[in-house]
């Protein structure tokens, strides 16, 4: 049974990138790189290197092959596990989750939550963990629901651009709670961009926008500084280089 075959190898000379499947070749600085391709079988692979007037050496390592009869198992899932909720707001939990299996295929499975447990947790007005059951897998996923009393302010946006260039404004923005805590969540922003001609002269431009913070529409402002592009040339180092 063949477990592995020599696919190719190179003698690692910097200017030589050619590789081949010859059974022997010269070395560069005493080194060679061999690439062995597995056949999919389970067993051990032994690689032996030998040269004239030198002691040969062998390395052996185990290989686990691919078993077509091996059952496919769920290996991972994709889900945003941190959910922010304004106090007395409407909670929107995910209904489906994308999963990946050991054979690299993907699927979308439904999530089922204990409705009574969610209602009781919301009644406390405190943050809690909502546990969802993933399809028929028996796997349970915990979602951290952080209840926010009130948004205190949005994070200021300040950036610079060159004359004649429209600034790249962020698509999302962070927010502060009333106690000054900066939330890790990013909230989408819609900007009201002025005419492009506004950015054709040096100065400051104020751009208004609307952020959607957990369903609440809040105003946000971005201050853009428009400046000329400057290029600073350093001293000529040629005389120093020649002198040395």
Protein backbone atom coordinates (compact mmCIF):
# COMPACT_ATOMS: atom_id res chain seq x y z
CA UNK A 1 0.00 0.00 0.00
CA UNK A 2 1.40 3.39 -1.01
CA UNK A 3 0.91 6.03 1.70
CA UNK A 4 2.85 8.92 0.17
CA UNK A 5 4.78 9.78 -2.98
CA UNK A 6 7.53 12.32 -3.64
CA UNK A 7 5.76 15.18 -5.34
CA UNK A 8 8.71 17.50 -5.91
CA UNK A 9 11.71 19.06 -4.26
CA UNK A 10 13.97 22.05 -4.63
CA UNK A 11 17.55 22.75 -3.60
CA UNK A 12 16.62 26.22 -2.28
CA UNK A 13 19.06 28.32 -4.29
CA UNK A 14 17.70 31.89 -4.06
CA UNK A 15 17.72 32.61 -7.80
CA UNK A 16 16.52 29.13 -8.75
CA UNK A 17 12.80 28.50 -8.40
CA UNK A 18 12.52 25.47 -10.66
CA UNK A 19 11.39 22.24 -9.00
CA UNK A 20 11.17 18.75 -10.44
CA UNK A 21 10.52 15.10 -9.60
CA UNK A 22 14.01 13.74 -10.22
CA UNK A 23 15.18 10.98 -7.87
CA UNK A 24 18.39 12.85 -7.04
CA UNK A 25 19.95 16.27 -7.37
CA UNK A 26 22.70 18.54 -6.07
CA UNK A 27 22.27 20.53 -2.87
CA UNK A 28 22.63 24.24 -2.21
CA UNK A 29 24.42 25.11 1.04
CA UNK A 30 23.78 21.54 2.17
CA UNK A 31 19.99 21.88 2.15
CA UNK A 32 17.11 20.48 0.13
CA UNK A 33 13.34 20.79 0.44
CA UNK A 34 11.27 17.67 -0.29
CA UNK A 35 7.49 17.76 -0.68
CA UNK A 36 5.63 14.49 -0.14
CA UNK A 37 2.06 14.08 -1.32
CA UNK A 38 -0.28 11.81 0.66
CA UNK A 39 -2.43 9.27 -1.17
CA UNK A 40 -5.31 9.33 1.31
CA UNK A 41 -4.38 6.06 3.03
CA UNK A 42 -3.59 5.63 6.73
CA UNK A 43 -0.14 4.41 7.77
CA UNK A 44 3.46 5.59 8.09
CA UNK A 45 5.62 7.50 5.63
CA UNK A 46 9.41 7.15 5.64
CA UNK A 47 11.71 9.56 3.82
CA UNK A 48 15.39 8.61 3.45
CA UNK A 49 18.16 10.94 2.32
CA UNK A 50 21.56 9.59 1.31
CA UNK A 51 24.70 10.92 -0.35
CA UNK A 52 28.12 9.59 -1.25
CA UNK A 53 30.54 9.44 1.71
CA UNK A 54 27.78 10.53 4.11
CA UNK A 55 25.66 8.58 6.57
CA UNK A 56 22.09 8.25 5.35
CA UNK A 57 19.20 9.49 7.51
CA UNK A 58 15.55 8.49 7.65
CA UNK A 59 12.54 10.25 9.12
CA UNK A 60 9.24 8.43 9.68
CA UNK A 61 5.90 10.01 10.56
CA UNK A 62 2.30 8.73 10.87
CA UNK A 63 -0.43 9.75 8.44
CA UNK A 64 -4.17 9.61 8.99
CA UNK A 65 -6.00 9.01 5.75
CA UNK A 66 -9.44 10.06 4.62
CA UNK A 67 -12.18 7.60 5.47
CA UNK A 68 -15.17 7.89 3.15
CA UNK A 69 -17.29 6.02 5.70
CA UNK A 70 -16.42 8.42 8.50
CA UNK A 71 -19.58 10.22 9.73
CA UNK A 72 -19.90 13.93 8.97
CA UNK A 73 -19.91 16.04 12.12
CA UNK A 74 -20.66 19.69 12.83
CA UNK A 75 -17.36 21.48 13.45
CA UNK A 76 -18.27 25.18 13.75
CA UNK A 77 -21.01 27.78 13.46
CA UNK A 78 -21.21 31.49 12.66
CA UNK A 79 -23.23 33.66 15.04
CA UNK A 80 -22.98 37.10 16.66
CA UNK A 81 -23.18 36.13 20.32
CA UNK A 82 -23.31 39.67 21.80
CA UNK A 83 -26.69 41.39 21.52
CA UNK A 84 -27.43 44.92 22.74
CA UNK A 85 -30.94 45.93 23.80
CA UNK A 86 -32.31 49.28 24.91
CA UNK A 87 -34.27 48.99 28.14
CA UNK A 88 -37.97 48.41 27.39
CA UNK A 89 -37.00 47.90 23.75
CA UNK A 90 -37.87 45.00 21.45
CA UNK A 91 -35.48 42.04 21.54
CA UNK A 92 -34.56 40.51 18.18
CA UNK A 93 -32.86 37.14 18.54
CA UNK A 94 -31.38 35.31 15.55
CA UNK A 95 -33.68 32.75 13.98
CA UNK A 96 -31.07 30.85 11.95
CA UNK A 97 -27.35 30.07 12.14
CA UNK A 98 -24.90 28.99 9.43
CA UNK A 99 -22.94 25.86 10.37
CA UNK A 100 -19.96 24.05 8.84
CA UNK A 101 -19.39 20.29 8.79
CA UNK A 102 -16.24 18.17 8.78
CA UNK A 103 -16.57 17.59 5.02
CA UNK A 104 -16.37 21.39 4.51
CA UNK A 105 -20.04 21.70 3.52
CA UNK A 106 -22.27 24.36 5.09
CA UNK A 107 -25.94 24.57 6.00
CA UNK A 108 -28.40 26.90 7.70
CA UNK A 109 -30.11 25.54 10.81
CA UNK A 110 -32.96 27.06 12.84
CA UNK A 111 -32.55 28.34 16.39
CA UNK A 112 -35.18 27.71 19.04
CA UNK A 113 -35.36 29.69 22.29
CA UNK A 114 -37.34 29.13 25.47
CA UNK A 115 -39.90 31.92 25.12
CA UNK A 116 -40.99 31.86 28.77
CA UNK A 117 -37.39 32.09 29.99
CA UNK A 118 -36.75 35.07 27.70
CA UNK A 119 -39.89 36.89 28.91
CA UNK A 120 -38.92 36.36 32.56
CA UNK A 121 -35.37 37.61 31.91
CA UNK A 122 -36.62 40.73 30.13
CA UNK A 123 -38.92 41.52 33.06
CA UNK A 124 -35.90 41.96 35.35
CA UNK A 125 -34.53 44.82 33.24
CA UNK A 126 -31.03 43.38 33.65
CA UNK A 127 -28.58 41.82 31.21
CA UNK A 128 -28.93 38.06 30.77
CA UNK A 129 -27.94 35.03 28.70
CA UNK A 130 -30.40 33.71 26.12
CA UNK A 131 -29.81 30.08 25.23
CA UNK A 132 -30.84 28.81 21.81
CA UNK A 133 -31.05 25.19 20.64
CA UNK A 134 -29.53 24.60 17.21
CA UNK A 135 -31.87 22.53 15.05
CA UNK A 136 -31.87 18.83 15.94
CA UNK A 137 -28.16 18.77 16.80
CA UNK A 138 -28.69 19.00 20.56
CA UNK A 139 -26.15 21.85 20.58
CA UNK A 140 -27.06 24.91 22.65
CA UNK A 141 -25.64 28.37 21.92
CA UNK A 142 -25.45 31.12 24.54
CA UNK A 143 -26.15 34.71 23.49
CA UNK A 144 -25.17 37.52 25.85
CA UNK A 145 -27.98 40.09 25.90
CA UNK A 146 -26.72 43.40 27.31
CA UNK A 147 -29.55 45.69 28.40
CA UNK A 148 -28.70 49.39 28.01
CA UNK A 149 -30.59 51.92 30.10
CA UNK A 150 -30.02 54.84 27.72
CA UNK A 151 -27.54 56.03 25.11
CA UNK A 152 -25.70 59.08 26.41
CA UNK A 153 -23.86 60.19 23.27
CA UNK A 154 -22.31 59.05 20.02
CA UNK A 155 -18.56 58.91 19.52
CA UNK A 156 -17.19 61.98 17.75
CA UNK A 157 -15.87 61.60 14.21
CA UNK A 158 -12.92 63.72 13.10
CA UNK A 159 -10.79 63.11 10.01
CA UNK A 160 -8.75 64.85 7.32
CA UNK A 161 -8.61 64.74 3.54
CA UNK A 162 -6.71 66.39 0.70
CA UNK A 163 -8.09 69.23 -1.37
CA UNK A 164 -10.27 67.80 -4.13
CA UNK A 165 -10.75 64.44 -2.39
CA UNK A 166 -14.09 63.33 -0.95
CA UNK A 167 -13.47 61.92 2.56
CA UNK A 168 -14.09 58.27 3.38
CA UNK A 169 -16.59 58.46 6.20
CA UNK A 170 -17.11 55.43 8.46
CA UNK A 171 -20.16 53.27 7.78
CA UNK A 172 -20.60 52.54 11.49
CA UNK A 173 -20.11 54.40 14.76
CA UNK A 174 -19.79 53.59 18.46
CA UNK A 175 -21.93 54.99 21.27
CA UNK A 176 -21.53 55.86 24.96
CA UNK A 177 -23.90 54.91 27.74
CA UNK A 178 -25.02 57.53 30.26
CA UNK A 179 -22.29 56.40 32.66
CA UNK A 180 -19.61 57.09 30.03
CA UNK A 181 -19.05 53.45 29.06
CA UNK A 182 -18.10 53.07 25.39
CA UNK A 183 -20.03 50.21 23.82
CA UNK A 184 -18.08 47.73 21.72
CA UNK A 185 -20.95 47.46 19.25
CA UNK A 186 -20.87 49.34 15.94
CA UNK A 187 -24.06 51.06 14.75
CA UNK A 188 -24.80 51.94 11.09
CA UNK A 189 -24.67 55.58 9.96
CA UNK A 190 -26.22 57.31 6.96
CA UNK A 191 -24.29 60.47 6.00
CA UNK A 192 -25.68 63.51 4.19
CA UNK A 193 -22.72 64.30 1.95
CA UNK A 194 -22.46 67.84 0.53
CA UNK A 195 -21.63 68.59 -3.10
CA UNK A 196 -18.11 67.46 -4.16
CA UNK A 197 -17.11 71.10 -4.82
CA UNK A 198 -17.15 71.72 -1.07
CA UNK A 199 -13.90 69.75 -0.77
CA UNK A 200 -12.04 71.78 -3.41
CA UNK A 201 -10.68 74.35 -0.97
CA UNK A 202 -8.78 74.34 2.31
CA UNK A 203 -10.93 74.55 5.42
CA UNK A 204 -13.21 72.61 7.72
CA UNK A 205 -16.46 70.94 6.69
CA UNK A 206 -19.20 69.76 9.02
CA UNK A 207 -21.13 66.71 7.78
CA UNK A 208 -24.37 65.59 9.39
CA UNK A 209 -25.59 62.01 9.62
CA UNK A 210 -28.16 59.76 11.25
CA UNK A 211 -27.13 56.71 13.28
CA UNK A 212 -29.45 53.77 13.85
CA UNK A 213 -28.79 52.78 17.47
CA UNK A 214 -30.88 49.72 18.25
CA UNK A 215 -33.81 51.12 16.30
CA UNK A 216 -33.44 54.65 17.68
CA UNK A 217 -32.45 57.34 15.16
CA UNK A 218 -29.79 59.66 16.59
CA UNK A 219 -27.97 62.60 14.93
CA UNK A 220 -24.21 62.39 14.49
CA UNK A 221 -21.64 64.87 13.21
CA UNK A 222 -18.32 64.41 11.43
CA UNK A 223 -15.74 67.22 11.25
CA UNK A 224 -13.54 67.01 8.16
CA UNK A 225 -10.36 69.07 7.80
CA UNK A 226 -9.37 69.77 4.18
CA UNK A 227 -5.68 70.48 3.64
CA UNK A 228 -3.23 70.82 0.77
CA UNK A 229 -0.97 67.90 0.09
CA UNK A 230 2.61 68.77 1.00
CA UNK A 231 5.81 66.94 0.10
CA UNK A 232 8.88 67.54 2.25
CA UNK A 233 12.25 66.74 0.69
CA UNK A 234 15.07 65.78 3.00
CA UNK A 235 18.71 66.84 2.60
CA UNK A 236 20.77 65.42 -0.25
CA UNK A 237 22.68 62.45 1.18
CA UNK A 238 24.69 61.76 -1.97
CA UNK A 239 27.82 63.75 -0.92
CA UNK A 240 27.90 61.97 2.44
CA UNK A 241 27.47 58.58 0.81
CA UNK A 242 30.28 59.27 -1.69
CA UNK A 243 32.60 60.57 1.03
CA UNK A 244 32.14 57.42 3.10
